[in-house]
Protein backbone atom coordinates (compact mmCIF):
# COMPACT_ATOMS: atom_id res chain seq x y z
CA UNK A 1 14.24 -17.83 -15.46
CA UNK A 2 16.61 -20.62 -16.58
CA UNK A 3 19.14 -18.07 -17.83
CA UNK A 4 19.26 -16.56 -14.34
CA UNK A 5 19.60 -20.01 -12.75
CA UNK A 6 22.41 -20.84 -15.16
CA UNK A 7 24.18 -17.58 -14.26
CA UNK A 8 24.01 -18.56 -10.58
CA UNK A 9 25.38 -22.02 -11.38
CA UNK A 10 28.23 -20.52 -13.42
CA UNK A 11 29.13 -18.18 -10.56
CA UNK A 12 29.06 -21.01 -7.99
CA UNK A 13 31.06 -23.35 -10.24
CA UNK A 14 34.02 -20.96 -9.88
CA UNK A 15 34.18 -21.89 -6.18
CA UNK A 16 32.63 -25.39 -6.30
CA UNK A 17 33.91 -26.95 -9.55
CA UNK A 18 31.85 -29.95 -10.59
CA UNK A 19 29.73 -29.77 -7.43
CA UNK A 20 26.75 -27.56 -8.39
CA UNK A 21 23.56 -29.29 -9.51
CA UNK A 22 19.90 -28.59 -10.31
CA UNK A 23 18.62 -31.72 -8.57
CA UNK A 24 19.62 -34.10 -5.82
CA UNK A 25 19.48 -36.98 -8.28
CA UNK A 26 22.35 -35.49 -10.29
CA UNK A 27 24.58 -34.94 -7.25
CA UNK A 28 27.50 -37.35 -7.04
CA UNK A 29 29.93 -35.73 -4.60
CA UNK A 30 30.34 -35.86 -0.82
CA UNK A 31 29.77 -32.09 -0.68
CA UNK A 32 27.78 -30.08 -3.18
CA UNK A 33 25.16 -27.38 -3.80
CA UNK A 34 21.71 -27.80 -5.34
CA UNK A 35 20.17 -24.72 -6.98
CA UNK A 36 16.43 -24.04 -7.29
CA UNK A 37 14.82 -20.90 -8.73
CA UNK A 38 11.32 -19.43 -8.81
CA UNK A 39 9.61 -16.11 -9.31
CA UNK A 40 9.65 -14.08 -6.14
CA UNK A 41 6.48 -12.98 -4.41
CA UNK A 42 8.30 -9.83 -3.32
CA UNK A 43 6.88 -6.82 -5.19
CA UNK A 44 9.42 -4.50 -6.79
CA UNK A 45 8.15 -1.23 -8.19
CA UNK A 46 9.81 1.05 -10.71
CA UNK A 47 9.43 4.79 -10.83
CA UNK A 48 10.00 4.84 -14.58
CA UNK A 49 7.70 3.04 -16.97
CA UNK A 50 8.11 0.89 -20.01
CA UNK A 51 10.15 -1.94 -18.53
CA UNK A 52 9.21 -5.06 -16.67
CA UNK A 53 11.21 -5.94 -13.60
CA UNK A 54 11.62 -9.59 -12.76
CA UNK A 55 12.56 -10.77 -9.30
CA UNK A 56 13.69 -14.36 -8.84
CA UNK A 57 14.25 -16.12 -5.54
CA UNK A 58 17.10 -18.61 -5.66
CA UNK A 59 17.13 -21.33 -3.02
CA UNK A 60 20.41 -23.18 -2.59
CA UNK A 61 20.88 -26.30 -0.51
CA UNK A 62 24.47 -26.70 0.70
CA UNK A 63 25.06 -30.38 1.39
CA UNK A 64 27.88 -32.33 2.98
CA UNK A 65 28.62 -35.74 4.46
CA UNK A 66 29.45 -33.95 7.72
CA UNK A 67 28.37 -30.70 9.31
CA UNK A 68 31.86 -29.33 8.57
CA UNK A 69 31.56 -30.15 4.85
CA UNK A 70 28.07 -28.65 4.74
CA UNK A 71 29.36 -25.39 6.23
CA UNK A 72 32.33 -25.41 3.83
CA UNK A 73 29.89 -25.47 0.89
CA UNK A 74 27.65 -22.83 2.50
CA UNK A 75 30.63 -20.47 2.95
CA UNK A 76 31.21 -20.61 -0.81
CA UNK A 77 27.51 -20.25 -1.59
CA UNK A 78 27.23 -17.16 0.62
CA UNK A 79 29.87 -15.43 -1.54
CA UNK A 80 27.09 -15.06 -4.11
CA UNK A 81 25.88 -12.06 -2.08
CA UNK A 82 26.61 -8.81 -3.90
CA UNK A 83 27.74 -10.47 -7.15
CA UNK A 84 26.53 -8.98 -10.44
CA UNK A 85 25.56 -11.89 -12.65
CA UNK A 86 25.64 -11.76 -16.44
CA UNK A 87 22.41 -12.63 -18.26
CA UNK A 88 22.12 -11.82 -21.96
CA UNK A 89 19.54 -9.12 -22.66
CA UNK A 90 19.10 -8.25 -18.98
CA UNK A 91 20.45 -5.72 -16.52
CA UNK A 92 20.96 -7.71 -13.33
CA UNK A 93 21.33 -6.01 -9.96
CA UNK A 94 23.75 -7.35 -7.33
CA UNK A 95 22.47 -10.55 -5.71
CA UNK A 96 20.71 -9.96 -2.37
CA UNK A 97 20.95 -12.42 0.52
CA UNK A 98 17.46 -12.98 1.94
CA UNK A 99 17.59 -15.69 4.60
CA UNK A 100 19.13 -18.97 5.61
CA UNK A 101 18.83 -21.89 7.99
CA UNK A 102 21.43 -23.51 10.22
CA UNK A 103 22.76 -26.97 9.35
CA UNK A 104 20.43 -29.92 9.88
CA UNK A 105 20.97 -33.64 9.61
CA UNK A 106 18.86 -35.49 7.06
CA UNK A 107 19.05 -39.11 8.15
CA UNK A 108 16.04 -40.39 6.19
CA UNK A 109 18.16 -41.91 3.42
CA UNK A 110 20.67 -44.72 3.42
CA UNK A 111 23.49 -42.17 3.63
CA UNK A 112 22.82 -39.40 6.20
CA UNK A 113 23.71 -35.91 4.92
CA UNK A 114 23.97 -32.49 6.50
CA UNK A 115 22.36 -29.57 4.70
CA UNK A 116 21.67 -25.89 5.11
CA UNK A 117 19.40 -23.66 3.04
CA UNK A 118 20.22 -20.15 1.76
CA UNK A 119 17.93 -17.87 -0.22
CA UNK A 120 18.85 -14.97 -2.48
CA UNK A 121 16.89 -12.55 -4.63
CA UNK A 122 17.95 -11.55 -8.13
CA UNK A 123 16.44 -8.38 -9.58
CA UNK A 124 16.52 -8.25 -13.36
CA UNK A 125 15.39 -5.65 -15.89
CA UNK A 126 15.29 -5.88 -19.69
CA UNK A 127 18.16 -4.04 -21.35
CA UNK A 128 17.18 -0.77 -22.97
């Protein structure tokens, strides 16, 4: 699972250098993305046997000091759709966009931030 998360981070880093994190605590920019990953509940069946298919749901929070910055990050995050990620030992299908939410203001902290949430599925089979 971490290898798939790291592939997502590497892909996003090409458009958001130094602004992609795995936790809010690590974020230190005015606009950034936070990447979370988990096994998907979506069943994926194969018509051929002998391989195990993994499906991971990636949730990405696009964050900015303003709504405009939040949307700027989200535009770069959404370019993940259709990308073929590289994960050693795996055949990874193009990334599928699943759903998203419009920008919202989080004003609970000392520094209010805008954020939006995007979710993607990654389908991955063992090589061979």
